[in-house]
C-alpha atoms as a PDB file:
ATOM      1  CA  UNK A   1       8.751  18.490  -3.941  1.00  0.00           C
ATOM      2  CA  UNK A   2       7.710  22.115  -4.104  1.00  0.00           C
ATOM      3  CA  UNK A   3      11.327  23.216  -4.297  1.00  0.00           C
ATOM      4  CA  UNK A   4      11.936  20.816  -7.178  1.00  0.00           C
ATOM      5  CA  UNK A   5       8.909  22.176  -9.036  1.00  0.00           C
ATOM      6  CA  UNK A   6       9.459  25.892  -8.492  1.00  0.00           C
ATOM      7  CA  UNK A   7      13.226  26.229  -7.974  1.00  0.00           C
ATOM      8  CA  UNK A   8      14.166  26.395 -11.662  1.00  0.00           C
ATOM      9  CA  UNK A   9      11.198  26.676 -13.972  1.00  0.00           C
ATOM     10  CA  UNK A  10      13.508  26.906 -17.005  1.00  0.00           C
ATOM     11  CA  UNK A  11      14.814  23.354 -16.504  1.00  0.00           C
ATOM     12  CA  UNK A  12      11.961  21.881 -18.533  1.00  0.00           C
ATOM     13  CA  UNK A  13      10.609  24.572 -20.835  1.00  0.00           C
ATOM     14  CA  UNK A  14       7.234  24.306 -22.477  1.00  0.00           C
ATOM     15  CA  UNK A  15       3.860  22.943 -21.582  1.00  0.00           C
ATOM     16  CA  UNK A  16       1.815  19.896 -22.402  1.00  0.00           C
ATOM     17  CA  UNK A  17      -1.985  20.120 -22.362  1.00  0.00           C
ATOM     18  CA  UNK A  18      -1.710  23.486 -20.642  1.00  0.00           C
ATOM     19  CA  UNK A  19       0.383  22.132 -17.741  1.00  0.00           C
ATOM     20  CA  UNK A  20       4.032  23.031 -17.321  1.00  0.00           C
ATOM     21  CA  UNK A  21       6.428  20.177 -18.164  1.00  0.00           C
ATOM     22  CA  UNK A  22       8.322  20.458 -14.872  1.00  0.00           C
ATOM     23  CA  UNK A  23       5.078  19.953 -12.948  1.00  0.00           C
ATOM     24  CA  UNK A  24       4.266  16.892 -15.057  1.00  0.00           C
ATOM     25  CA  UNK A  25       7.717  15.340 -14.556  1.00  0.00           C
ATOM     26  CA  UNK A  26       7.724  15.837 -10.789  1.00  0.00           C
ATOM     27  CA  UNK A  27       4.141  14.553 -10.515  1.00  0.00           C
ATOM     28  CA  UNK A  28       5.035  11.442 -12.488  1.00  0.00           C
ATOM     29  CA  UNK A  29       8.176  10.823 -10.411  1.00  0.00           C
ATOM     30  CA  UNK A  30       6.216  11.265  -7.176  1.00  0.00           C
ATOM     31  CA  UNK A  31       3.549   8.838  -8.363  1.00  0.00           C
ATOM     32  CA  UNK A  32       6.156   6.230  -9.275  1.00  0.00           C
ATOM     33  CA  UNK A  33       7.830   6.671  -5.871  1.00  0.00           C
ATOM     34  CA  UNK A  34       4.583   6.333  -3.880  1.00  0.00           C
ATOM     35  CA  UNK A  35       2.973   3.408  -5.748  1.00  0.00           C
ATOM     36  CA  UNK A  36       4.966   0.615  -3.983  1.00  0.00           C
ATOM     37  CA  UNK A  37       3.962   1.965  -0.581  1.00  0.00           C
ATOM     38  CA  UNK A  38       0.314   2.166  -1.617  1.00  0.00           C
ATOM     39  CA  UNK A  39       0.400  -1.440  -2.827  1.00  0.00           C
ATOM     40  CA  UNK A  40       1.998  -2.544   0.452  1.00  0.00           C
ATOM     41  CA  UNK A  41      -0.657  -0.657   2.418  1.00  0.00           C
ATOM     42  CA  UNK A  42      -3.402  -2.317   0.362  1.00  0.00           C
ATOM     43  CA  UNK A  43      -2.024  -5.787   1.177  1.00  0.00           C
ATOM     44  CA  UNK A  44      -1.730  -4.941   4.874  1.00  0.00           C
ATOM     45  CA  UNK A  45      -5.326  -3.697   4.978  1.00  0.00           C
ATOM     46  CA  UNK A  46      -6.460  -6.830   3.117  1.00  0.00           C
ATOM     47  CA  UNK A  47      -4.680  -9.154   5.541  1.00  0.00           C
ATOM     48  CA  UNK A  48      -6.051  -7.239   8.533  1.00  0.00           C
ATOM     49  CA  UNK A  49      -9.590  -7.421   7.160  1.00  0.00           C
ATOM     50  CA  UNK A  50      -9.363 -11.158   6.482  1.00  0.00           C
ATOM     51  CA  UNK A  51      -7.890 -11.781   9.932  1.00  0.00           C
ATOM     52  CA  UNK A  52     -10.644  -9.745  11.557  1.00  0.00           C
ATOM     53  CA  UNK A  53     -13.428 -11.594   9.737  1.00  0.00           C
ATOM     54  CA  UNK A  54     -11.969 -15.087  10.139  1.00  0.00           C
ATOM     55  CA  UNK A  55     -13.655 -17.145  12.819  1.00  0.00           C
ATOM     56  CA  UNK A  56     -10.741 -19.421  13.649  1.00  0.00           C
ATOM     57  CA  UNK A  57      -8.430 -18.369  16.429  1.00  0.00           C
ATOM     58  CA  UNK A  58      -5.330 -19.756  14.790  1.00  0.00           C
ATOM     59  CA  UNK A  59      -4.268 -22.521  12.431  1.00  0.00           C
ATOM     60  CA  UNK A  60      -2.251 -24.516  15.007  1.00  0.00           C
ATOM     61  CA  UNK A  61      -4.527 -24.419  18.047  1.00  0.00           C
ATOM     62  CA  UNK A  62      -6.098 -27.769  18.904  1.00  0.00           C
ATOM     63  CA  UNK A  63      -9.780 -27.962  19.725  1.00  0.00           C
ATOM     64  CA  UNK A  64     -11.173 -29.512  22.880  1.00  0.00           C
ATOM     65  CA  UNK A  65     -12.507 -33.009  22.201  1.00  0.00           C
ATOM     66  CA  UNK A  66     -14.173 -35.791  24.169  1.00  0.00           C
ATOM     67  CA  UNK A  67     -11.553 -38.364  23.111  1.00  0.00           C
ATOM     68  CA  UNK A  68      -9.755 -38.201  26.440  1.00  0.00           C
ATOM     69  CA  UNK A  69     -12.774 -39.848  28.096  1.00  0.00           C
ATOM     70  CA  UNK A  70     -12.592 -42.736  25.624  1.00  0.00           C
ATOM     71  CA  UNK A  71      -8.888 -43.302  26.307  1.00  0.00           C
ATOM     72  CA  UNK A  72      -9.325 -43.566  30.090  1.00  0.00           C
END
């Protein structure tokens, strides 16, 4: 990213709000590229937190019951 920003400063002449336009464009492109990964990471952390705080061992594991005594 640094090479893209500083390789050719004349590619995007001018400045907006005191910041060079090439810096703004590369920052915006980097943000757009990273956002999907950040959203995926947020979902993974959410699922891990819910799994850690859930008391059940698993949805398809049967519990021990006393019914076998009644059947015999």
